[in-house]
Amino acid sequence: MATLDQRFNAFVKLGDFLRSFTKTLPDNSGSPDKRNDWYLKFENAISLAGHKNGWFTKEQVMFAINAWAEQLEDQKLREWLLPYPLENNTHKIVAIIMAGNIPLVGFHDFLTALISGNRVLVKCSSNDKILLPFIANYLIHIEPELASEITISEDSLSEFDVVIATGSNNTARYFAHYFGNKPNIIRKNRNSVATLSGNETKEQLNELGEDIFRYYGLGCRNVSKLYVPHNYSFDNFFEGIATYKGLINQNKYANNYDYNKAVYLMSEFQFLDNGFFLLKEDKGYASPIGTAFYERYKTVEELKIKLAGDSDQIQCIVGGEMFENSIPFGKTQKPDLWDYADGIDTVEFLLKT
């Protein structure tokens, strides 16, 4: 069984590899050394992931890899883990059922369970079953003791102590039925919102575009709902996000945009359209791809009450200074290690289970 130090050092080395990979292309001339051999394997894995899931373009996958490369540094990992008494952890088998909406979306659960001294039993989503197994193989390559600590299963999961499962509201009911007799974290649908005052700069609105459009809006940390003042004009918003117009050249995105526009037209819904993105006034949070919902508020206090009441549906609140602890524009898809999904401290959960 790998020690805590071995686990920690393996993830530090993984971070070194990811940072090196993002900065250096493999040398295809002559016989590649072992490091370049892994570069080539990783490039092939990224290409294969894109073939199996059209949303996983190389640009989007590389963004996810870069984000993790920034987090898997010695100092950041130590800062994250310092408050936890990991030496008191019992060696549990943690079943992790991963979503597949964005690249490596389940990696934080994998990292948390493994680095804290547990064995992981992973069920990958069919939409993202290439990247995580590659990373697991690389970890085992640099730390062979982890071979007995990582299992990736294609079958139904059995023989485990704890469950972390992520899915939709429908699959959450299934998870609760089958895993309710085990300690568990079961995550449902959540969405993120942006609160606008009307005083945002063009640069801030452009950064908000990153929160909306990264991963084509498929993540729970993507902004899918805008809250705007009662008399807000969207002219500046559309001007701010204009740099993202190239999204319409991605076939899957364009198909969704065209479909949703057609539905709104046939249903005679009122909506705003800039040629690649739709805005629809709607009280819901989960807007379809190529669309954001919006809702007007009268006072900030009224809005705070509204969002507090719906906190179980919201992953992130993005904006300026209206809300304490809100996420700055452009930062939703770069969470720190201690930014836990749904606000549940996964390390603490595993230690206390």
Protein backbone atom coordinates (compact mmCIF):
# COMPACT_ATOMS: atom_id res chain seq x y z
CA MET A 1 0.00 0.00 0.00
CA ALA A 2 1.37 3.40 -0.97
CA THR A 3 2.22 5.74 1.90
CA LEU A 4 0.82 9.25 2.19
CA ASP A 5 4.18 10.65 1.08
CA GLN A 6 4.26 8.39 -1.96
CA ARG A 7 0.75 9.45 -2.92
CA PHE A 8 1.55 13.13 -2.45
CA ASN A 9 4.78 12.94 -4.45
CA ALA A 10 3.02 11.04 -7.25
CA PHE A 11 0.55 13.87 -7.73
CA VAL A 12 3.35 16.46 -7.61
CA LYS A 13 5.10 14.53 -10.39
CA LEU A 14 1.84 14.32 -12.30
CA GLY A 15 1.62 18.11 -12.09
CA ASP A 16 5.18 18.39 -13.40
CA PHE A 17 4.24 16.14 -16.32
CA LEU A 18 1.08 18.11 -17.14
CA ARG A 19 2.91 21.44 -17.06
CA SER A 20 5.69 20.07 -19.21
CA PHE A 21 3.19 18.54 -21.64
CA THR A 22 1.36 21.84 -22.11
CA LYS A 23 4.61 23.66 -22.91
CA THR A 24 6.55 21.12 -24.97
CA LEU A 25 5.60 19.17 -28.06
CA PRO A 26 7.01 15.66 -28.27
CA ASP A 27 10.02 15.23 -30.52
CA ASN A 28 8.93 12.78 -33.19
CA SER A 29 12.40 12.44 -34.73
CA GLY A 30 14.38 9.35 -33.85
CA SER A 31 13.54 7.16 -30.86
CA PRO A 32 11.60 9.08 -28.22
CA ASP A 33 12.77 8.77 -24.63
CA LYS A 34 10.37 7.52 -21.96
CA ARG A 35 9.07 11.00 -21.21
CA ASN A 36 8.33 11.75 -24.83
CA ASP A 37 6.73 8.32 -25.16
CA TRP A 38 4.22 9.40 -22.51
CA TYR A 39 3.73 12.69 -24.36
CA LEU A 40 2.78 10.76 -27.47
CA LYS A 41 0.45 8.50 -25.50
CA PHE A 42 -1.22 11.55 -23.98
CA GLU A 43 -1.66 13.20 -27.37
CA ASN A 44 -3.26 10.02 -28.66
CA ALA A 45 -5.54 9.85 -25.63
CA ILE A 46 -6.66 13.45 -26.16
CA SER A 47 -7.34 12.76 -29.84
CA LEU A 48 -9.30 9.58 -29.02
CA ALA A 49 -11.33 11.40 -26.35
CA GLY A 50 -12.32 13.95 -28.99
CA HIS A 51 -13.36 11.24 -31.43
CA LYS A 52 -15.57 9.57 -28.83
CA ASN A 53 -17.10 12.83 -27.58
CA GLY A 54 -17.46 15.69 -30.04
CA TRP A 55 -17.63 18.25 -27.22
CA PHE A 56 -14.09 17.32 -26.15
CA THR A 57 -12.23 19.39 -28.70
CA LYS A 58 -8.49 19.65 -28.21
CA GLU A 59 -8.83 23.27 -27.07
CA GLN A 60 -11.32 22.35 -24.35
CA VAL A 61 -9.34 19.33 -23.15
CA MET A 62 -6.13 21.35 -23.05
CA PHE A 63 -7.86 24.01 -20.97
CA ALA A 64 -8.81 21.35 -18.42
CA ILE A 65 -5.27 19.96 -18.41
CA ASN A 66 -3.80 23.43 -17.92
CA ALA A 67 -6.18 24.11 -15.05
CA TRP A 68 -5.08 20.95 -13.25
CA ALA A 69 -1.43 21.59 -14.05
CA GLU A 70 -1.73 24.87 -12.14
CA GLN A 71 -3.24 23.14 -9.10
CA LEU A 72 -0.95 20.11 -8.83
CA GLU A 73 2.02 22.00 -7.42
CA ASP A 74 3.84 21.04 -4.25
CA GLN A 75 3.02 24.26 -2.40
CA LYS A 76 -0.66 24.33 -3.39
CA LEU A 77 -1.17 20.69 -2.48
CA ARG A 78 0.46 21.25 0.92
CA GLU A 79 -1.65 24.35 1.56
CA TRP A 80 -4.79 22.39 0.71
CA LEU A 81 -4.02 19.34 2.85
CA LEU A 82 -2.37 21.05 5.84
CA PRO A 83 -5.56 21.41 7.96
CA TYR A 84 -6.47 17.72 7.70
CA PRO A 85 -5.13 14.94 9.99
CA LEU A 86 -4.56 12.52 7.11
CA GLU A 87 -2.52 10.23 9.35
CA ASN A 88 -5.77 9.35 11.14
CA ASN A 89 -7.49 8.19 7.97
CA THR A 90 -8.54 4.56 7.71
CA HIS A 91 -7.81 2.86 4.40
CA LYS A 92 -11.25 2.78 2.75
CA ILE A 93 -12.41 1.70 -0.67
CA VAL A 94 -14.04 4.76 -2.21
CA ALA A 95 -16.38 4.11 -5.13
CA ILE A 96 -16.43 7.13 -7.46
CA ILE A 97 -19.13 7.35 -10.12
CA MET A 98 -18.08 10.12 -12.47
CA ALA A 99 -20.05 12.43 -14.72
CA GLY A 100 -18.82 13.08 -18.25
CA ASN A 101 -20.11 16.52 -19.13
CA ILE A 102 -16.69 18.21 -19.26
CA PRO A 103 -13.15 16.81 -19.54
CA LEU A 104 -11.80 15.28 -16.32
CA VAL A 105 -14.82 16.48 -14.37
CA GLY A 106 -14.36 13.68 -11.81
CA PHE A 107 -10.64 14.19 -11.27
CA HIS A 108 -11.02 16.17 -8.04
CA ASP A 109 -12.87 13.27 -6.38
CA PHE A 110 -10.21 10.86 -7.66
CA LEU A 111 -7.41 13.08 -6.35
CA THR A 112 -9.09 13.68 -3.00
CA ALA A 113 -9.81 10.04 -2.26
CA LEU A 114 -6.40 8.77 -3.36
CA ILE A 115 -4.14 11.44 -1.84
CA SER A 116 -5.90 11.16 1.53
CA GLY A 117 -4.93 7.50 1.85
CA ASN A 118 -7.76 5.51 0.31
CA ARG A 119 -8.21 3.05 -2.50
CA VAL A 120 -10.36 4.24 -5.40
CA LEU A 121 -12.85 2.18 -7.39
CA VAL A 122 -13.81 4.32 -10.39
CA LYS A 123 -16.72 4.07 -12.80
CA CYS A 124 -16.09 6.51 -15.65
CA SER A 125 -18.87 8.04 -17.68
CA SER A 126 -19.16 6.71 -21.21
CA ASN A 127 -18.68 10.33 -22.32
CA ASP A 128 -15.28 10.64 -20.62
CA LYS A 129 -13.62 7.24 -20.34
CA ILE A 130 -10.24 7.96 -21.92
CA LEU A 131 -8.53 10.80 -20.03
CA LEU A 132 -8.86 9.64 -16.41
CA PRO A 133 -7.62 6.09 -17.15
CA PHE A 134 -4.59 7.59 -18.92
CA ILE A 135 -3.78 9.71 -15.87
CA ALA A 136 -4.27 6.71 -13.59
CA ASN A 137 -1.81 4.70 -15.70
CA TYR A 138 0.71 7.54 -15.55
CA LEU A 139 0.43 7.72 -11.76
CA ILE A 140 1.05 3.98 -11.54
CA HIS A 141 4.00 4.38 -13.91
CA ILE A 142 5.69 6.89 -11.61
CA GLU A 143 4.56 5.21 -8.36
CA PRO A 144 4.00 1.44 -8.84
CA GLU A 145 2.67 1.08 -5.28
CA LEU A 146 -0.50 2.80 -6.53
CA ALA A 147 -1.32 -0.15 -8.79
CA SER A 148 -3.21 -1.84 -5.96
CA GLU A 149 -4.91 1.43 -4.98
CA ILE A 150 -6.60 2.30 -8.30
CA THR A 151 -9.26 0.22 -10.01
CA ILE A 152 -11.22 1.45 -13.01
CA SER A 153 -14.26 -0.72 -13.60
CA GLU A 154 -16.53 -1.17 -16.59
CA ASP A 155 -18.92 -3.29 -14.53
CA SER A 156 -21.31 -2.61 -11.67
CA LEU A 157 -19.46 -1.54 -8.55
CA SER A 158 -19.29 -3.80 -5.51
CA GLU A 159 -17.17 -4.24 -2.39
CA PHE A 160 -16.69 -0.63 -1.35
CA ASP A 161 -17.03 1.39 1.84
CA VAL A 162 -17.96 4.89 0.64
CA VAL A 163 -19.63 6.31 -2.47
CA ILE A 164 -19.15 9.62 -4.27
CA ALA A 165 -21.57 9.80 -7.21
CA THR A 166 -22.25 12.65 -9.59
CA GLY A 167 -25.12 12.81 -12.05
CA SER A 168 -28.44 14.36 -12.94
CA ASN A 169 -31.45 14.76 -10.66
CA ASN A 170 -32.83 11.53 -12.15
CA THR A 171 -29.67 9.49 -11.65
CA ALA A 172 -29.34 10.92 -8.13
CA ARG A 173 -32.57 9.12 -7.20
CA TYR A 174 -31.11 5.92 -8.61
CA PHE A 175 -27.88 6.47 -6.67
CA ALA A 176 -29.79 7.14 -3.44
CA HIS A 177 -31.75 3.91 -3.88
CA TYR A 178 -28.75 1.68 -4.54
CA PHE A 179 -26.12 3.37 -2.36
CA GLY A 180 -28.23 4.76 0.46
CA ASN A 181 -26.96 2.11 2.87
CA LYS A 182 -23.37 3.37 2.51
CA PRO A 183 -21.84 6.70 3.55
CA ASN A 184 -22.19 8.80 0.45
CA ILE A 185 -22.00 12.10 -1.35
CA ILE A 186 -24.58 12.19 -4.13
CA ARG A 187 -24.50 15.24 -6.36
CA LYS A 188 -27.44 16.45 -8.46
CA ASN A 189 -27.89 19.07 -11.15
CA ARG A 190 -26.61 22.53 -10.28
CA ASN A 191 -26.06 25.64 -12.33
CA SER A 192 -24.19 28.90 -11.90
CA VAL A 193 -25.51 32.44 -12.10
CA ALA A 194 -24.07 35.88 -12.75
CA THR A 195 -25.35 38.99 -11.00
CA LEU A 196 -24.96 42.17 -13.02
CA SER A 197 -25.33 45.74 -11.80
CA GLY A 198 -25.23 47.43 -15.21
CA ASN A 199 -21.88 49.09 -14.41
CA GLU A 200 -19.70 46.27 -15.73
CA THR A 201 -16.91 47.16 -18.14
CA LYS A 202 -16.57 45.63 -21.58
CA GLU A 203 -13.58 43.66 -20.26
CA GLN A 204 -15.62 42.23 -17.38
CA LEU A 205 -18.41 41.20 -19.73
CA ASN A 206 -15.86 39.57 -22.01
CA GLU A 207 -14.56 37.63 -19.01
CA LEU A 208 -18.14 36.64 -18.20
CA GLY A 209 -18.21 35.12 -21.67
CA GLU A 210 -15.51 32.70 -20.47
CA ASP A 211 -17.79 31.64 -17.61
CA ILE A 212 -20.66 31.11 -20.03
CA PHE A 213 -18.95 29.51 -23.03
CA ARG A 214 -16.04 27.46 -21.66
CA TYR A 215 -16.80 23.76 -22.33
CA TYR A 216 -19.71 25.07 -24.43
CA GLY A 217 -21.66 25.74 -21.23
CA LEU A 218 -21.90 22.07 -20.25
CA GLY A 219 -20.44 22.34 -16.72
CA CYS A 220 -22.21 23.06 -13.44
CA ARG A 221 -19.78 25.95 -12.95
CA ASN A 222 -20.81 27.50 -16.27
CA VAL A 223 -23.07 30.53 -15.98
CA SER A 224 -26.48 29.62 -17.37
CA LYS A 225 -28.54 32.40 -15.77
CA LEU A 226 -28.10 36.17 -15.61
CA TYR A 227 -29.69 38.42 -13.00
CA VAL A 228 -29.92 41.99 -14.26
CA PRO A 229 -31.41 45.26 -12.97
CA HIS A 230 -35.01 46.02 -13.86
CA ASN A 231 -34.07 48.53 -16.59
CA TYR A 232 -31.00 46.67 -17.93
CA SER A 233 -30.13 46.89 -21.63
CA PHE A 234 -28.24 43.92 -23.12
CA ASP A 235 -26.40 45.98 -25.74
CA ASN A 236 -23.19 46.16 -23.69
CA PHE A 237 -23.46 42.48 -22.79
CA PHE A 238 -23.67 41.41 -26.42
CA GLU A 239 -20.79 43.72 -27.29
CA GLY A 240 -18.71 42.23 -24.48
CA ILE A 241 -19.20 38.61 -25.58
CA ALA A 242 -18.75 39.30 -29.32
CA THR A 243 -15.27 37.74 -29.30
CA TYR A 244 -16.87 34.31 -28.79
CA LYS A 245 -18.73 34.37 -32.10
CA GLY A 246 -16.43 31.67 -33.48
CA LEU A 247 -18.36 29.14 -31.37
CA ILE A 248 -20.96 28.99 -34.12
CA ASN A 249 -18.37 27.19 -36.27
CA GLN A 250 -18.43 24.19 -33.92
CA ASN A 251 -21.03 21.84 -35.40
CA LYS A 252 -22.47 20.46 -32.19
CA TYR A 253 -22.81 23.92 -30.68
CA ALA A 254 -24.33 25.34 -33.88
CA ASN A 255 -26.85 22.50 -34.07
CA ASN A 256 -28.00 23.18 -30.53
CA TYR A 257 -28.19 26.93 -31.13
CA ASP A 258 -30.24 26.43 -34.31
CA TYR A 259 -32.54 23.89 -32.65
CA ASN A 260 -33.26 26.05 -29.60
CA LYS A 261 -33.83 29.11 -31.76
CA ALA A 262 -36.32 27.17 -33.87
CA VAL A 263 -38.15 25.93 -30.76
CA TYR A 264 -38.41 29.46 -29.38
CA LEU A 265 -39.67 30.81 -32.72
CA MET A 266 -42.29 28.08 -33.14
CA SER A 267 -43.40 28.51 -29.54
CA GLU A 268 -43.55 32.28 -30.04
CA PHE A 269 -41.29 32.87 -27.05
CA GLN A 270 -39.64 36.25 -26.74
CA PHE A 271 -35.84 36.06 -26.90
CA LEU A 272 -32.75 38.06 -27.83
CA ASP A 273 -30.31 36.81 -30.46
CA ASN A 274 -26.86 38.01 -31.54
CA GLY A 275 -26.31 35.37 -34.22
CA PHE A 276 -24.57 32.78 -32.03
CA PHE A 277 -26.18 33.08 -28.60
CA LEU A 278 -29.72 33.42 -27.29
CA LEU A 279 -31.09 35.15 -24.20
CA LYS A 280 -34.52 34.15 -22.91
CA GLU A 281 -36.33 35.61 -19.91
CA ASP A 282 -37.05 32.59 -17.72
CA LYS A 283 -37.23 31.79 -14.01
CA GLY A 284 -35.36 28.50 -14.48
CA TYR A 285 -31.63 27.92 -13.96
CA ALA A 286 -30.77 25.15 -16.43
CA SER A 287 -30.72 26.83 -19.82
CA PRO A 288 -30.03 24.78 -22.96
CA ILE A 289 -26.76 24.97 -24.91
CA GLY A 290 -26.36 28.20 -26.84
CA THR A 291 -28.77 29.98 -24.51
CA ALA A 292 -28.75 31.76 -21.17
CA PHE A 293 -31.83 32.55 -19.14
CA TYR A 294 -32.18 35.94 -17.53
CA GLU A 295 -34.32 37.47 -14.83
CA ARG A 296 -34.69 41.08 -13.75
CA TYR A 297 -34.44 42.12 -10.11
CA LYS A 298 -35.70 45.25 -8.39
CA THR A 299 -33.32 45.43 -5.42
CA VAL A 300 -30.10 43.70 -4.44
CA GLU A 301 -31.66 42.65 -1.13
CA GLU A 302 -34.54 40.98 -2.96
CA LEU A 303 -32.02 39.16 -5.15
CA LYS A 304 -30.01 37.97 -2.15
CA ILE A 305 -33.12 36.47 -0.59
CA LYS A 306 -34.01 34.78 -3.87
CA LEU A 307 -30.59 33.18 -4.34
CA ALA A 308 -30.31 32.14 -0.69
CA GLY A 309 -33.61 30.29 -1.05
CA ASP A 310 -32.37 28.51 -4.18
CA SER A 311 -28.88 27.74 -2.87
CA ASP A 312 -29.36 23.99 -3.38
CA GLN A 313 -29.67 24.61 -7.14
CA ILE A 314 -26.68 26.96 -7.48
CA GLN A 315 -23.02 25.99 -7.80
CA CYS A 316 -21.40 29.42 -8.23
CA ILE A 317 -22.43 33.06 -8.03
CA VAL A 318 -20.37 35.24 -10.35
CA GLY A 319 -20.21 39.00 -10.19
CA GLY A 320 -18.70 42.10 -8.70
CA GLU A 321 -19.07 43.23 -5.12
CA MET A 322 -22.83 42.73 -4.69
CA PHE A 323 -22.36 39.32 -3.11
CA GLU A 324 -19.78 38.34 -0.51
CA ASN A 325 -17.55 35.49 -1.71
CA SER A 326 -18.82 35.75 -5.28
CA ILE A 327 -16.43 34.52 -7.96
CA PRO A 328 -14.74 37.16 -10.14
CA PHE A 329 -15.72 37.27 -13.80
CA GLY A 330 -13.84 34.73 -15.88
CA LYS A 331 -12.78 32.45 -13.01
CA THR A 332 -15.52 29.83 -12.62
CA GLN A 333 -13.66 27.12 -14.53
CA LYS A 334 -10.44 27.56 -12.56
CA PRO A 335 -11.42 26.46 -9.05
CA ASP A 336 -8.80 25.94 -6.36
CA LEU A 337 -8.30 22.59 -4.67
CA TRP A 338 -10.41 23.71 -1.69
CA ASP A 339 -13.35 24.84 -3.84
CA TYR A 340 -15.46 21.76 -3.24
CA ALA A 341 -18.45 20.89 -5.41
CA ASP A 342 -21.74 21.77 -3.72
CA GLY A 343 -19.74 23.21 -0.81
CA ILE A 344 -19.17 19.73 0.68
CA ASP A 345 -15.65 19.24 2.02
CA THR A 346 -14.78 15.88 0.47
CA VAL A 347 -11.57 15.37 2.47
CA GLU A 348 -13.34 15.99 5.76
CA PHE A 349 -16.14 13.65 4.72
CA LEU A 350 -13.68 10.84 3.96
CA LEU A 351 -11.78 11.36 7.21
CA LYS A 352 -14.92 11.23 9.33
CA THR A 353 -16.47 8.25 7.57
